[in-house]
Amino acid sequence: MAVAGKYNKYPAQPPPARAGRAPVGLRQFALAVHDVEGVPAACVLLQDRFDLDVNVLLLGAYIGVQGKTLTADDVDAARAVVDTWHTEVVRPLRAVRRRLKSGPAPAPDARTASLRRHVAGSELDAELVELDELGRWADEFDAPRGAGSVVEHTTTAMELVVQSYDGGTVDGAVAAALAVIATAAGRQEGAPT
C-alpha cells in the first residue's frame, strides 16, 4: 500500500478518529493501521516476499478485529473482487514508480522525480479504489464470531491471506511481520477490546 512511512514518500493521511467506539470502515482502518510504526516495513516484507496484495492482507486484519472467522474460500472471494484491478492497474503503476527511482535514463533526475511523484499519487489513488471495493465486500461479509483474542483472530485471518498467495509459508520473519500488523490492528479505534 502506498501509504506513510520511510518506504513511501507520498502518504495518504488516515482520517481523524471518530468519537466513541463505533466501527470504522475498511479504508479508515487500513490507513490507520498502516500509519503505525513498523507496519509499513512489515507490509513491504510480505508484499515483496509473496507478491501479495497488502490491501487484502489489511482486509484480513479488519475482519479479524471484528472477531469474525475468515476461511480460505472467503479470502478467495475477496481476492476475486480486486485481483484483476490490482494486477492490471496497481502493480504496473508500482513498477513504474519503482523503476523511476533508478532509471532508465534520463532517470533519476529532477524531471523524472516529479513524474515519479505523480505516478505515486496515481498508485495511491488506485489502491484507495481497491480498498473501497474491498470495503463494500467486507460490509456484506457475514461470518460467525469465534473464540479467542482480537490478535489471535487477526493473525489467523492474515495467515490465510498469506497462504492464498501460492501457499505462502508462515515462518519466523513472516510471523513477526504479522504480529506487528495484528498488534497495530487490535489497537485501532473501533476494534473490540
N, C-alpha and C. Protein backbone atom coordinates (compact mmCIF):
# COMPACT_ATOMS: atom_id res chain seq x y z
N MET A 1 0.86 -1.17 0.00
CA MET A 1 0.00 0.00 0.00
C MET A 1 0.90 1.23 0.00
N ALA A 2 0.59 2.14 -0.84
CA ALA A 2 1.39 3.36 -0.96
C ALA A 2 0.95 4.36 0.09
N VAL A 3 1.36 4.11 1.30
CA VAL A 3 0.94 5.00 2.38
C VAL A 3 2.17 5.48 3.13
N ALA A 4 1.98 5.95 4.34
CA ALA A 4 3.02 6.61 5.10
C ALA A 4 4.20 5.70 5.42
N GLY A 5 5.27 6.32 5.83
CA GLY A 5 6.44 5.58 6.27
C GLY A 5 7.63 5.85 5.38
N LYS A 6 8.79 5.41 5.83
CA LYS A 6 10.01 5.67 5.06
C LYS A 6 10.00 4.93 3.73
N TYR A 7 9.10 3.97 3.57
CA TYR A 7 9.03 3.20 2.34
C TYR A 7 8.25 3.91 1.26
N ASN A 8 7.57 4.99 1.61
CA ASN A 8 6.84 5.74 0.62
C ASN A 8 6.76 7.19 1.03
N LYS A 9 7.23 8.07 0.18
CA LYS A 9 7.24 9.50 0.48
C LYS A 9 5.94 10.18 0.12
N TYR A 10 4.94 9.43 -0.34
CA TYR A 10 3.70 10.01 -0.83
C TYR A 10 2.53 9.48 -0.01
N PRO A 11 2.43 9.92 1.24
CA PRO A 11 1.45 9.32 2.14
C PRO A 11 0.02 9.80 1.91
N ALA A 12 -0.90 8.92 2.24
CA ALA A 12 -2.30 9.30 2.38
C ALA A 12 -2.52 9.37 3.88
N GLN A 13 -3.13 10.42 4.31
CA GLN A 13 -3.33 10.58 5.74
C GLN A 13 -4.60 9.87 6.18
N PRO A 14 -4.53 9.11 7.28
CA PRO A 14 -5.75 8.48 7.76
C PRO A 14 -6.72 9.54 8.25
N PRO A 15 -8.01 9.32 8.05
CA PRO A 15 -8.98 10.27 8.55
C PRO A 15 -8.90 10.35 10.07
N PRO A 16 -9.32 11.47 10.67
CA PRO A 16 -9.29 11.57 12.11
C PRO A 16 -10.18 10.50 12.74
N ALA A 17 -9.76 10.02 13.91
CA ALA A 17 -10.54 9.01 14.62
C ALA A 17 -11.90 9.59 15.01
N ARG A 18 -12.90 8.74 14.95
CA ARG A 18 -14.23 9.17 15.32
C ARG A 18 -14.40 9.04 16.83
N ALA A 19 -15.28 9.86 17.37
CA ALA A 19 -15.56 9.80 18.81
C ALA A 19 -16.25 8.49 19.12
N GLY A 20 -16.03 7.99 20.32
CA GLY A 20 -16.69 6.76 20.75
C GLY A 20 -16.00 5.53 20.20
N ARG A 21 -16.67 4.39 20.27
CA ARG A 21 -16.09 3.13 19.83
C ARG A 21 -16.84 2.56 18.62
N ALA A 22 -17.44 3.42 17.83
CA ALA A 22 -18.18 2.94 16.66
C ALA A 22 -17.22 2.29 15.68
N PRO A 23 -17.68 1.26 15.00
CA PRO A 23 -16.82 0.63 13.99
C PRO A 23 -16.44 1.62 12.90
N VAL A 24 -15.28 1.42 12.35
CA VAL A 24 -14.81 2.26 11.25
C VAL A 24 -14.85 1.43 9.98
N GLY A 25 -14.81 2.11 8.84
CA GLY A 25 -14.78 1.42 7.56
C GLY A 25 -13.39 0.88 7.27
N LEU A 26 -13.32 0.01 6.28
CA LEU A 26 -12.04 -0.60 5.93
C LEU A 26 -11.00 0.43 5.54
N ARG A 27 -11.37 1.42 4.74
CA ARG A 27 -10.38 2.41 4.30
C ARG A 27 -9.76 3.11 5.50
N GLN A 28 -10.58 3.62 6.40
CA GLN A 28 -10.05 4.33 7.57
C GLN A 28 -9.21 3.40 8.43
N PHE A 29 -9.68 2.19 8.63
CA PHE A 29 -8.95 1.20 9.41
C PHE A 29 -7.59 0.91 8.77
N ALA A 30 -7.57 0.63 7.47
CA ALA A 30 -6.32 0.27 6.78
C ALA A 30 -5.32 1.41 6.82
N LEU A 31 -5.78 2.63 6.58
CA LEU A 31 -4.86 3.77 6.63
C LEU A 31 -4.30 3.97 8.03
N ALA A 32 -5.16 3.82 9.04
CA ALA A 32 -4.69 4.00 10.42
C ALA A 32 -3.70 2.91 10.82
N VAL A 33 -3.98 1.67 10.47
CA VAL A 33 -3.06 0.57 10.80
C VAL A 33 -1.73 0.78 10.08
N HIS A 34 -1.81 1.11 8.80
CA HIS A 34 -0.58 1.27 8.01
C HIS A 34 0.26 2.44 8.49
N ASP A 35 -0.35 3.35 9.23
CA ASP A 35 0.36 4.53 9.74
C ASP A 35 1.13 4.24 11.04
N VAL A 36 0.94 3.06 11.63
CA VAL A 36 1.60 2.70 12.88
C VAL A 36 3.05 2.29 12.60
N GLU A 37 3.95 2.77 13.43
CA GLU A 37 5.37 2.46 13.26
C GLU A 37 5.59 0.95 13.16
N GLY A 38 6.37 0.55 12.19
CA GLY A 38 6.70 -0.86 11.98
C GLY A 38 5.79 -1.55 10.98
N VAL A 39 4.58 -1.05 10.81
CA VAL A 39 3.63 -1.71 9.90
C VAL A 39 4.04 -1.56 8.44
N PRO A 40 4.44 -0.35 7.98
CA PRO A 40 4.85 -0.27 6.56
C PRO A 40 5.96 -1.26 6.21
N ALA A 41 6.96 -1.40 7.07
CA ALA A 41 8.06 -2.33 6.79
C ALA A 41 7.56 -3.77 6.77
N ALA A 42 6.66 -4.11 7.69
CA ALA A 42 6.09 -5.46 7.73
C ALA A 42 5.30 -5.73 6.46
N CYS A 43 4.53 -4.75 6.01
CA CYS A 43 3.73 -4.91 4.79
C CYS A 43 4.62 -5.07 3.56
N VAL A 44 5.67 -4.27 3.47
CA VAL A 44 6.59 -4.37 2.33
C VAL A 44 7.28 -5.73 2.32
N LEU A 45 7.69 -6.23 3.48
CA LEU A 45 8.32 -7.55 3.57
C LEU A 45 7.38 -8.60 2.99
N LEU A 46 6.11 -8.58 3.42
CA LEU A 46 5.15 -9.58 2.96
C LEU A 46 4.80 -9.38 1.48
N GLN A 47 4.66 -8.14 1.06
CA GLN A 47 4.34 -7.84 -0.33
C GLN A 47 5.46 -8.34 -1.25
N ASP A 48 6.69 -8.05 -0.88
CA ASP A 48 7.82 -8.43 -1.73
C ASP A 48 8.09 -9.93 -1.68
N ARG A 49 7.90 -10.54 -0.54
CA ARG A 49 8.20 -11.97 -0.41
C ARG A 49 7.17 -12.84 -1.12
N PHE A 50 5.89 -12.48 -1.01
CA PHE A 50 4.83 -13.32 -1.56
C PHE A 50 4.10 -12.69 -2.75
N ASP A 51 4.50 -11.48 -3.12
CA ASP A 51 3.81 -10.74 -4.18
C ASP A 51 2.33 -10.62 -3.83
N LEU A 52 2.07 -10.42 -2.54
CA LEU A 52 0.69 -10.33 -2.11
C LEU A 52 0.18 -8.90 -2.15
N ASP A 53 -1.13 -8.79 -2.12
CA ASP A 53 -1.81 -7.51 -2.13
C ASP A 53 -2.01 -7.08 -0.67
N VAL A 54 -1.33 -6.04 -0.26
CA VAL A 54 -1.40 -5.56 1.12
C VAL A 54 -2.83 -5.17 1.50
N ASN A 55 -3.60 -4.66 0.55
CA ASN A 55 -4.98 -4.31 0.86
C ASN A 55 -5.79 -5.54 1.28
N VAL A 56 -5.56 -6.67 0.63
CA VAL A 56 -6.25 -7.91 1.02
C VAL A 56 -5.76 -8.35 2.39
N LEU A 57 -4.48 -8.19 2.66
CA LEU A 57 -3.94 -8.52 3.98
C LEU A 57 -4.60 -7.67 5.06
N LEU A 58 -4.74 -6.37 4.80
CA LEU A 58 -5.37 -5.48 5.78
C LEU A 58 -6.87 -5.75 5.89
N LEU A 59 -7.49 -6.24 4.82
CA LEU A 59 -8.87 -6.71 4.92
C LEU A 59 -8.95 -7.86 5.91
N GLY A 60 -7.99 -8.80 5.82
CA GLY A 60 -7.96 -9.90 6.78
C GLY A 60 -7.85 -9.40 8.21
N ALA A 61 -7.00 -8.40 8.43
CA ALA A 61 -6.87 -7.81 9.76
C ALA A 61 -8.19 -7.17 10.20
N TYR A 62 -8.85 -6.49 9.28
CA TYR A 62 -10.12 -5.82 9.56
C TYR A 62 -11.19 -6.83 9.98
N ILE A 63 -11.28 -7.92 9.25
CA ILE A 63 -12.24 -8.98 9.60
C ILE A 63 -11.85 -9.59 10.95
N GLY A 64 -10.55 -9.78 11.16
CA GLY A 64 -10.07 -10.37 12.41
C GLY A 64 -10.39 -9.54 13.63
N VAL A 65 -10.23 -8.22 13.54
CA VAL A 65 -10.50 -7.38 14.72
C VAL A 65 -11.98 -7.38 15.07
N GLN A 66 -12.81 -7.75 14.12
CA GLN A 66 -14.24 -7.87 14.41
C GLN A 66 -14.57 -9.20 15.06
N GLY A 67 -13.56 -10.06 15.20
CA GLY A 67 -13.77 -11.36 15.83
C GLY A 67 -14.42 -12.37 14.91
N LYS A 68 -14.55 -12.03 13.64
CA LYS A 68 -15.19 -12.94 12.69
C LYS A 68 -14.20 -13.98 12.19
N THR A 69 -14.74 -15.12 11.83
CA THR A 69 -13.92 -16.22 11.32
C THR A 69 -13.86 -16.12 9.80
N LEU A 70 -12.64 -16.05 9.29
CA LEU A 70 -12.40 -15.97 7.85
C LEU A 70 -11.91 -17.34 7.38
N THR A 71 -12.40 -17.78 6.23
CA THR A 71 -11.96 -19.06 5.66
C THR A 71 -11.15 -18.81 4.40
N ALA A 72 -10.49 -19.86 3.92
CA ALA A 72 -9.74 -19.75 2.67
C ALA A 72 -10.68 -19.39 1.52
N ASP A 73 -11.90 -19.92 1.51
CA ASP A 73 -12.87 -19.57 0.46
C ASP A 73 -13.25 -18.09 0.53
N ASP A 74 -13.35 -17.55 1.75
CA ASP A 74 -13.65 -16.13 1.91
C ASP A 74 -12.52 -15.28 1.34
N VAL A 75 -11.28 -15.67 1.61
CA VAL A 75 -10.13 -14.94 1.06
C VAL A 75 -10.18 -14.98 -0.47
N ASP A 76 -10.47 -16.15 -1.02
CA ASP A 76 -10.57 -16.26 -2.48
C ASP A 76 -11.67 -15.35 -3.03
N ALA A 77 -12.79 -15.28 -2.33
CA ALA A 77 -13.91 -14.43 -2.77
C ALA A 77 -13.51 -12.95 -2.73
N ALA A 78 -12.83 -12.55 -1.68
CA ALA A 78 -12.39 -11.15 -1.58
C ALA A 78 -11.36 -10.84 -2.66
N ARG A 79 -10.44 -11.74 -2.87
CA ARG A 79 -9.43 -11.52 -3.92
C ARG A 79 -10.07 -11.43 -5.29
N ALA A 80 -11.11 -12.20 -5.53
CA ALA A 80 -11.78 -12.17 -6.83
C ALA A 80 -12.36 -10.79 -7.13
N VAL A 81 -12.69 -10.05 -6.10
CA VAL A 81 -13.24 -8.71 -6.27
C VAL A 81 -12.19 -7.75 -6.84
N VAL A 82 -10.92 -7.92 -6.43
CA VAL A 82 -9.91 -6.91 -6.77
C VAL A 82 -8.67 -7.42 -7.49
N ASP A 83 -8.51 -8.71 -7.66
CA ASP A 83 -7.26 -9.23 -8.25
C ASP A 83 -6.98 -8.65 -9.64
N THR A 84 -7.98 -8.55 -10.49
CA THR A 84 -7.74 -8.04 -11.84
C THR A 84 -7.32 -6.57 -11.77
N TRP A 85 -8.01 -5.77 -10.95
CA TRP A 85 -7.65 -4.36 -10.78
C TRP A 85 -6.22 -4.25 -10.26
N HIS A 86 -5.91 -5.05 -9.26
CA HIS A 86 -4.58 -4.99 -8.66
C HIS A 86 -3.50 -5.36 -9.69
N THR A 87 -3.76 -6.41 -10.45
CA THR A 87 -2.79 -6.89 -11.43
C THR A 87 -2.62 -5.94 -12.61
N GLU A 88 -3.73 -5.39 -13.09
CA GLU A 88 -3.67 -4.59 -14.31
C GLU A 88 -3.49 -3.09 -14.08
N VAL A 89 -3.74 -2.62 -12.86
CA VAL A 89 -3.62 -1.18 -12.59
C VAL A 89 -2.59 -0.88 -11.51
N VAL A 90 -2.78 -1.45 -10.31
CA VAL A 90 -1.91 -1.11 -9.19
C VAL A 90 -0.47 -1.56 -9.43
N ARG A 91 -0.27 -2.82 -9.77
CA ARG A 91 1.10 -3.32 -9.96
C ARG A 91 1.86 -2.59 -11.07
N PRO A 92 1.25 -2.33 -12.22
CA PRO A 92 2.01 -1.58 -13.23
C PRO A 92 2.40 -0.18 -12.76
N LEU A 93 1.50 0.51 -12.06
CA LEU A 93 1.85 1.82 -11.53
C LEU A 93 3.00 1.71 -10.53
N ARG A 94 2.95 0.70 -9.67
CA ARG A 94 4.03 0.49 -8.70
C ARG A 94 5.34 0.20 -9.41
N ALA A 95 5.29 -0.62 -10.45
CA ALA A 95 6.51 -0.95 -11.20
C ALA A 95 7.13 0.29 -11.83
N VAL A 96 6.31 1.16 -12.40
CA VAL A 96 6.83 2.40 -12.99
C VAL A 96 7.42 3.28 -11.90
N ARG A 97 6.70 3.44 -10.78
CA ARG A 97 7.22 4.27 -9.68
C ARG A 97 8.57 3.76 -9.21
N ARG A 98 8.68 2.46 -8.98
CA ARG A 98 9.94 1.89 -8.51
C ARG A 98 11.04 2.03 -9.56
N ARG A 99 10.70 1.84 -10.82
CA ARG A 99 11.71 1.92 -11.89
C ARG A 99 12.24 3.33 -12.03
N LEU A 100 11.40 4.33 -11.86
CA LEU A 100 11.84 5.72 -11.99
C LEU A 100 12.82 6.14 -10.88
N LYS A 101 12.91 5.34 -9.84
CA LYS A 101 13.82 5.67 -8.75
C LYS A 101 15.28 5.56 -9.20
N SER A 102 15.56 4.65 -10.14
CA SER A 102 16.96 4.45 -10.53
C SER A 102 17.20 4.51 -12.04
N GLY A 103 16.20 4.57 -12.84
CA GLY A 103 16.39 4.58 -14.28
C GLY A 103 15.13 4.16 -14.96
N PRO A 104 15.11 4.04 -16.23
CA PRO A 104 16.15 4.23 -17.23
C PRO A 104 16.45 5.71 -17.46
N ALA A 105 17.55 5.96 -18.16
CA ALA A 105 17.95 7.34 -18.45
C ALA A 105 16.79 8.04 -19.16
N PRO A 106 16.48 9.23 -18.81
CA PRO A 106 17.23 10.18 -18.02
C PRO A 106 17.01 10.07 -16.50
N ALA A 107 16.24 9.12 -16.04
CA ALA A 107 16.01 8.98 -14.60
C ALA A 107 17.28 8.45 -13.94
N PRO A 108 17.50 8.77 -12.71
CA PRO A 108 16.75 9.74 -11.92
C PRO A 108 17.29 11.16 -12.09
N ASP A 109 16.40 12.08 -12.29
CA ASP A 109 16.75 13.50 -12.27
C ASP A 109 15.52 14.28 -11.80
N ALA A 110 15.63 15.59 -11.78
CA ALA A 110 14.54 16.42 -11.23
C ALA A 110 13.25 16.23 -12.01
N ARG A 111 13.36 16.12 -13.33
CA ARG A 111 12.14 15.94 -14.13
C ARG A 111 11.48 14.61 -13.85
N THR A 112 12.28 13.56 -13.77
CA THR A 112 11.70 12.24 -13.53
C THR A 112 11.26 12.09 -12.08
N ALA A 113 11.86 12.84 -11.17
CA ALA A 113 11.39 12.83 -9.77
C ALA A 113 9.98 13.38 -9.68
N SER A 114 9.72 14.43 -10.43
CA SER A 114 8.37 15.00 -10.47
C SER A 114 7.39 13.98 -11.07
N LEU A 115 7.78 13.33 -12.14
CA LEU A 115 6.95 12.30 -12.75
C LEU A 115 6.69 11.17 -11.75
N ARG A 116 7.72 10.77 -11.04
CA ARG A 116 7.60 9.69 -10.06
C ARG A 116 6.57 10.05 -8.98
N ARG A 117 6.57 11.31 -8.54
CA ARG A 117 5.58 11.75 -7.55
C ARG A 117 4.16 11.64 -8.12
N HIS A 118 4.00 12.00 -9.36
CA HIS A 118 2.67 11.90 -9.99
C HIS A 118 2.23 10.44 -10.13
N VAL A 119 3.15 9.58 -10.52
CA VAL A 119 2.83 8.16 -10.64
C VAL A 119 2.48 7.60 -9.26
N ALA A 120 3.24 8.01 -8.23
CA ALA A 120 2.95 7.54 -6.87
C ALA A 120 1.55 7.98 -6.43
N GLY A 121 1.17 9.20 -6.78
CA GLY A 121 -0.17 9.66 -6.46
C GLY A 121 -1.24 8.84 -7.16
N SER A 122 -0.99 8.49 -8.41
CA SER A 122 -1.92 7.64 -9.15
C SER A 122 -1.98 6.24 -8.56
N GLU A 123 -0.83 5.73 -8.14
CA GLU A 123 -0.79 4.41 -7.50
C GLU A 123 -1.62 4.43 -6.23
N LEU A 124 -1.45 5.46 -5.42
CA LEU A 124 -2.23 5.58 -4.19
C LEU A 124 -3.72 5.67 -4.49
N ASP A 125 -4.09 6.48 -5.48
CA ASP A 125 -5.50 6.58 -5.86
C ASP A 125 -6.05 5.22 -6.27
N ALA A 126 -5.27 4.46 -7.03
CA ALA A 126 -5.70 3.13 -7.46
C ALA A 126 -5.88 2.19 -6.27
N GLU A 127 -4.98 2.30 -5.30
CA GLU A 127 -5.10 1.46 -4.10
C GLU A 127 -6.31 1.85 -3.26
N LEU A 128 -6.63 3.13 -3.22
CA LEU A 128 -7.81 3.56 -2.47
C LEU A 128 -9.09 3.08 -3.14
N VAL A 129 -9.12 3.07 -4.47
CA VAL A 129 -10.26 2.49 -5.18
C VAL A 129 -10.41 1.02 -4.78
N GLU A 130 -9.29 0.32 -4.76
CA GLU A 130 -9.30 -1.09 -4.37
C GLU A 130 -9.79 -1.28 -2.94
N LEU A 131 -9.30 -0.44 -2.03
CA LEU A 131 -9.75 -0.53 -0.63
C LEU A 131 -11.26 -0.32 -0.53
N ASP A 132 -11.79 0.62 -1.30
CA ASP A 132 -13.23 0.88 -1.27
C ASP A 132 -14.01 -0.33 -1.78
N GLU A 133 -13.50 -0.99 -2.81
CA GLU A 133 -14.17 -2.21 -3.31
C GLU A 133 -14.13 -3.32 -2.26
N LEU A 134 -12.98 -3.48 -1.63
CA LEU A 134 -12.87 -4.48 -0.56
C LEU A 134 -13.75 -4.10 0.63
N GLY A 135 -13.88 -2.80 0.89
CA GLY A 135 -14.74 -2.33 1.97
C GLY A 135 -16.20 -2.70 1.72
N ARG A 136 -16.64 -2.58 0.46
CA ARG A 136 -18.02 -2.99 0.13
C ARG A 136 -18.19 -4.49 0.35
N TRP A 137 -17.17 -5.26 -0.03
CA TRP A 137 -17.22 -6.70 0.20
C TRP A 137 -17.30 -6.98 1.70
N ALA A 138 -16.49 -6.29 2.49
CA ALA A 138 -16.47 -6.51 3.94
C ALA A 138 -17.79 -6.12 4.59
N ASP A 139 -18.43 -5.08 4.08
CA ASP A 139 -19.71 -4.65 4.64
C ASP A 139 -20.78 -5.73 4.49
N GLU A 140 -20.66 -6.55 3.45
CA GLU A 140 -21.63 -7.62 3.21
C GLU A 140 -21.19 -8.95 3.79
N PHE A 141 -19.95 -9.02 4.27
CA PHE A 141 -19.40 -10.27 4.80
C PHE A 141 -20.06 -10.60 6.13
N ASP A 142 -20.63 -11.77 6.18
CA ASP A 142 -21.28 -12.22 7.41
C ASP A 142 -20.68 -13.56 7.79
N ALA A 143 -20.07 -13.60 8.95
CA ALA A 143 -19.45 -14.83 9.41
C ALA A 143 -19.62 -14.91 10.92
N PRO A 144 -19.58 -16.13 11.43
CA PRO A 144 -19.70 -16.27 12.89
C PRO A 144 -18.49 -15.70 13.61
N ARG A 145 -18.72 -15.27 14.81
CA ARG A 145 -17.62 -14.82 15.66
C ARG A 145 -17.05 -16.05 16.34
N GLY A 146 -15.74 -16.05 16.47
CA GLY A 146 -15.07 -17.18 17.10
C GLY A 146 -14.53 -16.81 18.46
N ALA A 147 -14.10 -17.82 19.18
CA ALA A 147 -13.48 -17.59 20.48
C ALA A 147 -12.03 -17.18 20.26
N GLY A 148 -11.49 -16.44 21.19
CA GLY A 148 -10.10 -16.03 21.11
C GLY A 148 -9.97 -14.52 21.11
N SER A 149 -8.73 -14.08 21.21
CA SER A 149 -8.46 -12.65 21.30
C SER A 149 -8.49 -12.01 19.91
N VAL A 150 -8.55 -10.69 19.90
CA VAL A 150 -8.51 -9.93 18.65
C VAL A 150 -7.22 -10.23 17.90
N VAL A 151 -6.10 -10.26 18.62
CA VAL A 151 -4.82 -10.53 17.96
C VAL A 151 -4.81 -11.93 17.35
N GLU A 152 -5.39 -12.92 18.05
CA GLU A 152 -5.45 -14.28 17.50
C GLU A 152 -6.29 -14.32 16.22
N HIS A 153 -7.47 -13.71 16.27
CA HIS A 153 -8.33 -13.68 15.08
C HIS A 153 -7.65 -12.97 13.92
N THR A 154 -7.04 -11.85 14.22
CA THR A 154 -6.38 -11.05 13.19
C THR A 154 -5.22 -11.82 12.57
N THR A 155 -4.41 -12.42 13.41
CA THR A 155 -3.26 -13.19 12.91
C THR A 155 -3.72 -14.36 12.06
N THR A 156 -4.72 -15.09 12.53
CA THR A 156 -5.23 -16.23 11.77
C THR A 156 -5.76 -15.80 10.41
N ALA A 157 -6.52 -14.71 10.38
CA ALA A 157 -7.07 -14.22 9.11
C ALA A 157 -5.95 -13.81 8.17
N MET A 158 -4.95 -13.12 8.68
CA MET A 158 -3.84 -12.69 7.81
C MET A 158 -3.00 -13.87 7.35
N GLU A 159 -2.85 -14.90 8.18
CA GLU A 159 -2.14 -16.11 7.75
C GLU A 159 -2.84 -16.75 6.56
N LEU A 160 -4.18 -16.77 6.59
CA LEU A 160 -4.95 -17.30 5.46
C LEU A 160 -4.69 -16.49 4.19
N VAL A 161 -4.60 -15.19 4.34
CA VAL A 161 -4.31 -14.34 3.18
C VAL A 161 -2.93 -14.67 2.63
N VAL A 162 -1.93 -14.74 3.49
CA VAL A 162 -0.57 -15.08 3.05
C VAL A 162 -0.57 -16.42 2.33
N GLN A 163 -1.25 -17.41 2.90
CA GLN A 163 -1.28 -18.75 2.31
C GLN A 163 -2.01 -18.77 0.97
N SER A 164 -2.89 -17.81 0.73
CA SER A 164 -3.62 -17.77 -0.54
C SER A 164 -2.73 -17.33 -1.70
N TYR A 165 -1.58 -16.80 -1.40
CA TYR A 165 -0.63 -16.39 -2.44
C TYR A 165 0.39 -17.50 -2.62
N ASP A 166 0.09 -18.41 -3.52
CA ASP A 166 0.97 -19.53 -3.85
C ASP A 166 1.43 -20.31 -2.62
N GLY A 167 0.54 -20.51 -1.67
CA GLY A 167 0.86 -21.32 -0.50
C GLY A 167 1.92 -20.72 0.37
N GLY A 168 1.94 -19.38 0.47
CA GLY A 168 2.94 -18.69 1.29
C GLY A 168 3.12 -19.35 2.65
N THR A 169 4.36 -19.58 3.02
CA THR A 169 4.68 -20.25 4.28
C THR A 169 4.91 -19.22 5.37
N VAL A 170 4.29 -19.47 6.52
CA VAL A 170 4.45 -18.58 7.67
C VAL A 170 5.62 -19.08 8.50
N ASP A 171 6.80 -18.47 8.27
CA ASP A 171 7.98 -18.80 9.06
C ASP A 171 8.22 -17.70 10.09
N GLY A 172 9.37 -17.67 10.70
CA GLY A 172 9.67 -16.71 11.76
C GLY A 172 9.54 -15.26 11.35
N ALA A 173 10.13 -14.88 10.20
CA ALA A 173 10.07 -13.49 9.75
C ALA A 173 8.65 -13.09 9.39
N VAL A 174 7.92 -14.00 8.76
CA VAL A 174 6.53 -13.73 8.38
C VAL A 174 5.67 -13.61 9.63
N ALA A 175 5.85 -14.52 10.57
CA ALA A 175 5.09 -14.47 11.83
C ALA A 175 5.35 -13.17 12.57
N ALA A 176 6.60 -12.72 12.57
CA ALA A 176 6.93 -11.46 13.25
C ALA A 176 6.25 -10.28 12.56
N ALA A 177 6.26 -10.27 11.23
CA ALA A 177 5.60 -9.20 10.48
C ALA A 177 4.10 -9.20 10.76
N LEU A 178 3.49 -10.38 10.75
CA LEU A 178 2.06 -10.47 11.03
C LEU A 178 1.74 -10.02 12.45
N ALA A 179 2.62 -10.32 13.40
CA ALA A 179 2.40 -9.90 14.79
C ALA A 179 2.41 -8.38 14.91
N VAL A 180 3.30 -7.72 14.18
CA VAL A 180 3.35 -6.26 14.19
C VAL A 180 2.03 -5.68 13.68
N ILE A 181 1.56 -6.22 12.57
CA ILE A 181 0.32 -5.73 11.97
C ILE A 181 -0.88 -6.05 12.87
N ALA A 182 -0.93 -7.26 13.40
CA ALA A 182 -2.06 -7.66 14.26
C ALA A 182 -2.13 -6.80 15.52
N THR A 183 -0.99 -6.50 16.11
CA THR A 183 -0.97 -5.66 17.31
C THR A 183 -1.47 -4.26 16.98
N ALA A 184 -0.99 -3.70 15.87
CA ALA A 184 -1.45 -2.37 15.45
C ALA A 184 -2.94 -2.38 15.15
N ALA A 185 -3.42 -3.42 14.50
CA ALA A 185 -4.84 -3.52 14.16
C ALA A 185 -5.70 -3.59 15.41
N GLY A 186 -5.26 -4.35 16.39
CA GLY A 186 -6.03 -4.51 17.62
C GLY A 186 -6.13 -3.25 18.45
N ARG A 187 -5.26 -2.30 18.18
CA ARG A 187 -5.25 -1.04 18.93
C ARG A 187 -6.05 0.07 18.26
N GLN A 188 -6.63 -0.21 17.12
CA GLN A 188 -7.34 0.84 16.38
C GLN A 188 -8.71 1.12 17.02
N GLU A 189 -9.10 2.37 16.89
CA GLU A 189 -10.41 2.78 17.34
C GLU A 189 -11.48 1.98 16.60
N GLY A 190 -12.43 1.50 17.34
CA GLY A 190 -13.49 0.71 16.75
C GLY A 190 -13.23 -0.77 16.83
N ALA A 191 -11.97 -1.16 17.15
CA ALA A 191 -11.68 -2.58 17.31
C ALA A 191 -12.20 -3.02 18.67
N PRO A 192 -12.77 -4.21 18.75
CA PRO A 192 -13.24 -4.70 20.06
C PRO A 192 -12.07 -4.83 21.01
N THR A 193 -12.33 -4.65 22.26
CA THR A 193 -11.26 -4.80 23.27
C THR A 193 -11.46 -6.04 24.09
